[in-house]
Amino acid sequence: MFQHIEVKEPLDKLMDDWDLLSERVIPKFATFHEAGHSVLGLRRREILPANIIDPAKGDITKFFELGPDGIEAGSLESMKVRITTAGTPHRLPHNFGYWHINDKDELYLPIPGRNDELGYFVVVQGRPTDEETDAFAWYCEECGTMLFDFVIKTGMSGMTGFWQGEREAVTQYNADVKLRTCDECGHVNPLGYCWNAYGDSPEEAAARKLW
């Protein structure tokens, strides 16, 4: 799983001290990195007993999944593994402004830092292959009706295609108020936003604070 990771030191000097959370390794996983059969993400976060704080996005403790009985609310907790099974629409408020649906299970593990240092937020999922997909979807926040669904074949495009698809999906959704207006109840839903907060437009930054 480490075959695509590059470091300056000879491997024989690293084998006894290989640490994914090392400061010289973690930047390679700042977004997502395809490694073997897995996709890995490592983020620096403030991991507190009751909250998880992203320096650029704010509180990302809450976690929502959409199941047969509707929206189920939960939370991410320090040193507790959370798994979202394949095919489950899920969303982290302030972290990404859409419901993510993919064909692989996802695992999340918040690890607190030492003393006053930032902790680590670990994300692991299976690497999509062949016809497997990721979808960026929006549902009416009032009645749950699906508003818009944008699907990409990440098994073919890889994570580069994922990020391109995310940006295109959010751009299309935000550009047309008809997509954000529910046909069932008439509610006009807020704008979407991408995972990377540094690319937010002013309108997307405002939406990130809202939901």
Protein backbone atom coordinates (compact mmCIF):
# COMPACT_ATOMS: atom_id res chain seq x y z
CA MET A 1 0.00 0.00 0.00
CA PHE A 2 3.03 2.29 0.29
CA GLN A 3 4.33 1.81 -3.25
CA HIS A 4 3.29 5.28 -4.47
CA ILE A 5 4.67 7.24 -1.52
CA GLU A 6 7.95 9.04 -2.13
CA VAL A 7 10.38 10.09 0.61
CA LYS A 8 13.90 11.44 0.40
CA GLU A 9 15.52 8.92 2.74
CA PRO A 10 16.58 5.44 1.55
CA LEU A 11 13.93 2.86 2.44
CA ASP A 12 16.32 0.75 4.47
CA LYS A 13 16.67 3.67 6.88
CA LEU A 14 12.90 4.04 7.24
CA MET A 15 11.71 0.46 7.64
CA ASP A 16 12.19 0.40 11.42
CA ASP A 17 10.52 3.77 11.91
CA TRP A 18 7.73 4.03 9.32
CA ASP A 19 5.07 6.38 10.63
CA LEU A 20 2.11 7.58 8.54
CA LEU A 21 1.63 10.45 10.99
CA SER A 22 5.20 11.67 10.60
CA GLU A 23 5.42 15.32 9.57
CA ARG A 24 7.45 14.31 6.50
CA VAL A 25 4.82 11.81 5.38
CA ILE A 26 1.43 13.30 6.30
CA PRO A 27 1.44 16.13 3.67
CA LYS A 28 1.26 13.45 0.96
CA PHE A 29 -2.22 12.53 2.26
CA ALA A 30 -3.56 16.05 2.81
CA THR A 31 -6.43 15.42 0.39
CA PHE A 32 -6.68 11.73 -0.56
CA HIS A 33 -3.93 9.42 -1.77
CA GLU A 34 -4.50 6.19 -3.67
CA ALA A 35 -2.27 3.52 -2.13
CA GLY A 36 -2.67 -0.09 -3.21
CA HIS A 37 -6.25 -1.23 -2.60
CA SER A 38 -7.01 1.76 -0.38
CA VAL A 39 -7.62 5.49 -0.53
CA LEU A 40 -6.11 7.27 2.49
CA GLY A 41 -6.67 10.74 3.90
CA LEU A 42 -4.87 12.31 6.86
CA ARG A 43 -5.89 15.74 8.13
CA ARG A 44 -4.68 17.85 11.04
CA ARG A 45 -7.59 18.71 13.32
CA GLU A 46 -8.20 19.83 16.87
CA ILE A 47 -9.53 16.61 18.43
CA LEU A 48 -11.27 17.41 21.72
CA PRO A 49 -13.30 15.09 23.98
CA ALA A 50 -16.58 16.62 22.79
CA ASN A 51 -15.67 18.39 19.53
CA ILE A 52 -13.58 18.13 16.38
CA ILE A 53 -12.47 21.48 15.00
CA ASP A 54 -11.10 22.09 11.52
CA PRO A 55 -8.98 25.27 11.49
CA ALA A 56 -10.41 26.32 8.10
CA LYS A 57 -14.01 25.09 8.48
CA GLY A 58 -14.98 25.21 12.14
CA ASP A 59 -16.79 22.51 14.10
CA ILE A 60 -17.15 19.29 12.06
CA THR A 61 -18.28 17.04 14.93
CA LYS A 62 -21.75 16.24 13.62
CA PHE A 63 -22.28 13.45 11.12
CA PHE A 64 -25.45 12.63 9.17
CA GLU A 65 -26.50 9.54 7.23
CA LEU A 66 -29.62 9.04 5.16
CA GLY A 67 -31.20 5.62 5.75
CA PRO A 68 -34.55 3.84 5.29
CA ASP A 69 -36.01 5.73 8.27
CA GLY A 70 -34.78 9.12 7.11
CA ILE A 71 -31.89 11.25 8.32
CA GLU A 72 -29.94 9.79 11.23
CA ALA A 73 -27.79 12.20 13.24
CA GLY A 74 -24.57 11.13 14.92
CA SER A 75 -21.18 12.49 15.79
CA LEU A 76 -17.48 11.81 15.37
CA GLU A 77 -15.66 11.12 18.63
CA SER A 78 -12.03 11.02 19.67
CA MET A 79 -10.46 7.54 19.35
CA LYS A 80 -13.73 5.97 18.20
CA VAL A 81 -13.96 4.38 14.75
CA ARG A 82 -16.99 5.26 12.65
CA ILE A 83 -17.84 3.31 9.49
CA THR A 84 -20.17 4.41 6.71
CA THR A 85 -21.18 1.47 4.55
CA ALA A 86 -21.12 1.60 0.76
CA GLY A 87 -24.19 3.19 -0.81
CA THR A 88 -25.14 5.27 2.25
CA PRO A 89 -25.65 9.00 1.62
CA HIS A 90 -23.66 10.86 4.29
CA ARG A 91 -22.67 14.42 5.12
CA LEU A 92 -20.46 16.33 7.56
CA PRO A 93 -21.80 19.88 8.09
CA HIS A 94 -19.29 22.62 7.27
CA ASN A 95 -16.94 20.00 5.76
CA PHE A 96 -18.63 19.34 2.40
CA GLY A 97 -21.88 20.86 1.19
CA TYR A 98 -23.53 17.85 -0.44
CA TRP A 99 -24.46 14.27 0.37
CA HIS A 100 -21.67 11.90 -0.62
CA ILE A 101 -22.63 8.44 -1.92
CA ASN A 102 -19.97 5.95 -2.97
CA ASP A 103 -19.49 2.26 -3.69
CA LYS A 104 -16.93 1.64 -0.94
CA ASP A 105 -17.11 1.57 2.85
CA GLU A 106 -15.48 4.52 4.61
CA LEU A 107 -13.73 4.45 7.99
CA TYR A 108 -13.05 7.52 10.14
CA LEU A 109 -10.78 7.70 13.20
CA PRO A 110 -10.05 10.97 15.06
CA ILE A 111 -6.77 10.74 17.01
CA PRO A 112 -6.02 13.49 19.55
CA GLY A 113 -2.68 15.26 19.51
CA ARG A 114 -0.25 15.47 22.38
CA ASN A 115 -0.45 18.39 24.78
CA ASP A 116 -1.77 21.37 22.78
CA GLU A 117 -0.84 20.03 19.34
CA LEU A 118 -3.36 19.39 16.58
CA GLY A 119 -4.55 15.82 16.30
CA TYR A 120 -5.07 13.63 13.25
CA PHE A 121 -8.27 12.79 11.41
CA VAL A 122 -7.77 9.51 9.54
CA VAL A 123 -10.01 8.51 6.62
CA VAL A 124 -9.67 5.12 4.94
CA GLN A 125 -11.80 3.65 2.17
CA GLY A 126 -11.47 1.00 -0.51
CA ARG A 127 -10.05 2.14 -3.83
CA PRO A 128 -12.82 2.28 -6.49
CA THR A 129 -12.31 0.02 -9.48
CA ASP A 130 -13.96 -0.59 -12.86
CA GLU A 131 -17.52 0.82 -12.95
CA GLU A 132 -17.64 1.86 -9.27
CA THR A 133 -18.83 5.40 -8.67
CA ASP A 134 -19.02 8.41 -6.39
CA ALA A 135 -22.09 10.63 -6.36
CA PHE A 136 -22.64 14.18 -5.13
CA ALA A 137 -26.30 14.58 -4.23
CA TRP A 138 -28.60 17.12 -2.65
CA TYR A 139 -31.87 16.48 -0.81
CA CYS A 140 -34.45 19.02 0.31
CA GLU A 141 -33.69 20.00 3.90
CA GLU A 142 -37.42 20.33 4.58
CA CYS A 143 -38.95 17.16 3.10
CA GLY A 144 -36.03 14.97 1.97
CA THR A 145 -36.86 14.93 -1.75
CA MET A 146 -33.81 14.41 -3.98
CA LEU A 147 -32.99 17.64 -5.82
CA PHE A 148 -29.90 16.84 -7.87
CA ASP A 149 -27.56 13.87 -8.33
CA PHE A 150 -24.19 14.05 -10.09
CA VAL A 151 -22.41 10.71 -10.61
CA ILE A 152 -18.83 10.01 -11.74
CA LYS A 153 -17.04 6.70 -12.37
CA THR A 154 -14.15 7.04 -9.94
CA GLY A 155 -13.08 3.49 -10.68
CA MET A 156 -11.93 4.79 -14.06
CA SER A 157 -10.99 8.41 -13.30
CA GLY A 158 -9.34 7.94 -9.90
CA MET A 159 -9.22 10.68 -7.27
CA THR A 160 -8.30 13.30 -9.86
CA GLY A 161 -11.68 12.65 -11.44
CA PHE A 162 -13.31 12.76 -8.01
CA TRP A 163 -12.16 16.32 -7.31
CA GLN A 164 -13.03 17.48 -10.82
CA GLY A 165 -16.48 15.90 -10.51
CA GLU A 166 -17.07 17.47 -7.10
CA ARG A 167 -16.28 20.94 -8.44
CA GLU A 168 -18.50 20.45 -11.50
CA ALA A 169 -21.39 19.11 -9.41
CA VAL A 170 -21.29 22.04 -6.96
CA THR A 171 -20.98 24.56 -9.79
CA GLN A 172 -23.97 23.14 -11.66
CA TYR A 173 -26.10 22.93 -8.52
CA ASN A 174 -25.33 26.47 -7.40
CA ALA A 175 -25.83 27.99 -10.85
CA ASP A 176 -29.49 26.99 -11.21
CA VAL A 177 -31.97 27.97 -8.51
CA LYS A 178 -34.44 25.50 -10.03
CA LEU A 179 -32.16 22.65 -8.94
CA ARG A 180 -32.23 23.97 -5.39
CA THR A 181 -35.98 24.48 -5.34
CA CYS A 182 -37.94 21.43 -4.18
CA ASP A 183 -40.70 20.28 -6.57
CA GLU A 184 -42.61 18.75 -3.67
CA CYS A 185 -42.70 21.49 -1.03
CA GLY A 186 -41.30 24.55 -2.82
CA HIS A 187 -38.48 25.12 -0.33
CA VAL A 188 -35.39 26.86 -1.75
CA ASN A 189 -32.34 25.05 -0.36
CA PRO A 190 -28.95 26.63 0.41
CA LEU A 191 -25.97 26.60 -1.93
CA GLY A 192 -23.51 23.72 -1.95
CA TYR A 193 -19.75 23.86 -1.45
CA CYS A 194 -16.71 21.65 -2.03
CA TRP A 195 -14.53 19.88 0.52
CA ASN A 196 -11.59 22.26 0.05
CA ALA A 197 -12.54 25.49 1.79
CA TYR A 198 -9.69 27.44 0.19
CA GLY A 199 -11.51 27.40 -3.16
CA ASP A 200 -14.78 28.81 -1.79
CA SER A 201 -16.43 31.74 -3.50
CA PRO A 202 -17.90 34.30 -1.05
CA GLU A 203 -21.32 32.69 -1.56
CA GLU A 204 -19.95 29.20 -0.93
CA ALA A 205 -18.11 30.38 2.20
CA ALA A 206 -21.39 31.77 3.53
CA ALA A 207 -23.15 28.47 2.75
CA ARG A 208 -20.41 26.52 4.57
CA LYS A 209 -21.16 28.46 7.77
CA LEU A 210 -24.89 27.87 7.32
CA TRP A 211 -25.07 24.08 6.96
